[in-house]
Amino acid sequence: MMFPKDGNYQCRKCGNIIPIKNDAKNFVSKAKIDDREVVVLEGEQTSGLPTTNAKCPECGNNTAAWWLRQLRSADESETRFFKCTKCGYTWREYD
């Protein structure tokens, strides 16, 4: 990696020197960060999610939509979320 020193770029490791041109582009570094889209489930929105046989602890319905999220560290298993297709109650299960 070259660092500016005394009007030149100089490598701290090997000592190689390259003259700095009077061009402002030499000092500009650009990075683009894309916006991330976060899906939030609200109300009765369960369309598009897979369903399974799971008993709702609130209403006793036997069908629920489910999805997985990594909430803890990467070396631990994902958390399963369920949402009742009848009453909309959401609960989770851990492994």
Protein backbone atom coordinates (compact mmCIF):
# COMPACT_ATOMS: atom_id res chain seq x y z
CA MET A 1 0.00 0.00 0.00
CA MET A 2 1.35 3.39 -0.98
CA PHE A 3 1.19 6.35 1.40
CA PRO A 4 1.77 10.05 0.60
CA LYS A 5 5.14 11.30 1.89
CA ASP A 6 7.14 14.36 0.85
CA GLY A 7 5.17 14.88 -2.40
CA ASN A 8 5.43 11.22 -3.42
CA TYR A 9 3.71 7.93 -2.73
CA GLN A 10 5.94 5.63 -0.73
CA CYS A 11 5.55 1.99 0.25
CA ARG A 12 6.25 1.53 3.96
CA LYS A 13 7.31 -2.06 3.42
CA CYS A 14 9.69 -1.97 0.45
CA GLY A 15 10.41 1.79 0.18
CA ASN A 16 9.29 2.09 -3.47
CA ILE A 17 8.54 5.71 -4.41
CA ILE A 18 6.09 6.99 -7.07
CA PRO A 19 5.68 10.74 -7.74
CA ILE A 20 2.26 12.24 -6.95
CA LYS A 21 0.65 13.89 -9.97
CA ASN A 22 -1.36 17.07 -9.41
CA ASP A 23 -4.56 15.23 -10.21
CA ALA A 24 -7.30 15.29 -7.54
CA LYS A 25 -8.57 11.90 -8.73
CA ASN A 26 -5.52 10.24 -7.14
CA PHE A 27 -6.89 10.99 -3.68
CA VAL A 28 -10.53 10.11 -4.31
CA SER A 29 -11.88 6.70 -3.39
CA LYS A 30 -15.53 5.97 -4.05
CA ALA A 31 -17.70 3.16 -2.75
CA LYS A 32 -21.37 2.59 -3.39
CA ILE A 33 -23.52 1.06 -0.69
CA ASP A 34 -26.84 -0.30 -1.89
CA ASP A 35 -29.92 0.05 0.29
CA ARG A 36 -31.07 -3.20 1.82
CA GLU A 37 -34.70 -4.18 1.81
CA VAL A 38 -36.08 -5.60 5.05
CA VAL A 39 -39.32 -7.54 4.92
CA VAL A 40 -41.66 -6.88 7.83
CA LEU A 41 -44.75 -9.04 8.34
CA GLU A 42 -47.70 -7.01 9.53
CA GLY A 43 -51.34 -7.80 10.11
CA GLU A 44 -52.65 -10.84 8.26
CA GLN A 45 -49.97 -10.93 5.54
CA THR A 46 -49.06 -14.59 5.24
CA SER A 47 -49.41 -14.99 1.48
CA GLY A 48 -46.25 -16.15 -0.21
CA LEU A 49 -44.92 -17.92 2.88
CA PRO A 50 -44.86 -21.70 3.14
CA THR A 51 -47.34 -23.28 5.55
CA THR A 52 -47.09 -26.26 7.85
CA ASN A 53 -49.13 -28.18 10.41
CA ALA A 54 -48.46 -26.37 13.68
CA LYS A 55 -50.96 -25.79 16.49
CA CYS A 56 -51.51 -22.14 17.35
CA PRO A 57 -51.15 -21.59 21.12
CA GLU A 58 -53.81 -18.83 21.00
CA CYS A 59 -56.71 -20.17 18.90
CA GLY A 60 -55.84 -23.85 18.36
CA ASN A 61 -55.78 -23.58 14.55
CA ASN A 62 -53.57 -26.29 12.99
CA THR A 63 -52.09 -24.31 10.06
CA ALA A 64 -49.35 -21.70 10.29
CA ALA A 65 -47.01 -19.90 7.92
CA TRP A 66 -43.34 -20.20 8.82
CA TRP A 67 -39.95 -18.59 8.12
CA LEU A 68 -36.40 -18.76 9.48
CA ARG A 69 -34.17 -15.97 10.83
CA GLN A 70 -30.60 -16.03 12.14
CA LEU A 71 -30.96 -14.07 15.38
CA ARG A 72 -28.04 -15.38 17.40
CA SER A 73 -24.41 -15.92 16.45
CA ALA A 74 -23.61 -17.76 13.23
CA ASP A 75 -22.53 -20.94 15.02
CA GLU A 76 -26.00 -21.38 16.56
CA SER A 77 -29.09 -22.63 14.75
CA GLU A 78 -31.69 -20.38 13.17
CA THR A 79 -34.94 -19.44 14.92
CA ARG A 80 -38.18 -20.69 13.37
CA PHE A 81 -41.08 -18.24 13.38
CA PHE A 82 -44.71 -19.29 12.93
CA LYS A 83 -47.74 -17.12 12.18
CA CYS A 84 -51.24 -18.55 12.54
CA THR A 85 -53.22 -18.39 9.30
CA LYS A 86 -56.46 -17.85 11.26
CA CYS A 87 -55.78 -15.35 14.06
CA GLY A 88 -52.37 -13.96 13.00
CA TYR A 89 -50.63 -14.81 16.30
CA THR A 90 -46.85 -15.11 15.88
CA TRP A 91 -44.59 -17.37 17.95
CA ARG A 92 -41.11 -18.84 17.67
CA GLU A 93 -39.30 -22.09 18.25
CA TYR A 94 -35.63 -22.63 19.03
CA ASP A 95 -33.56 -25.73 18.33
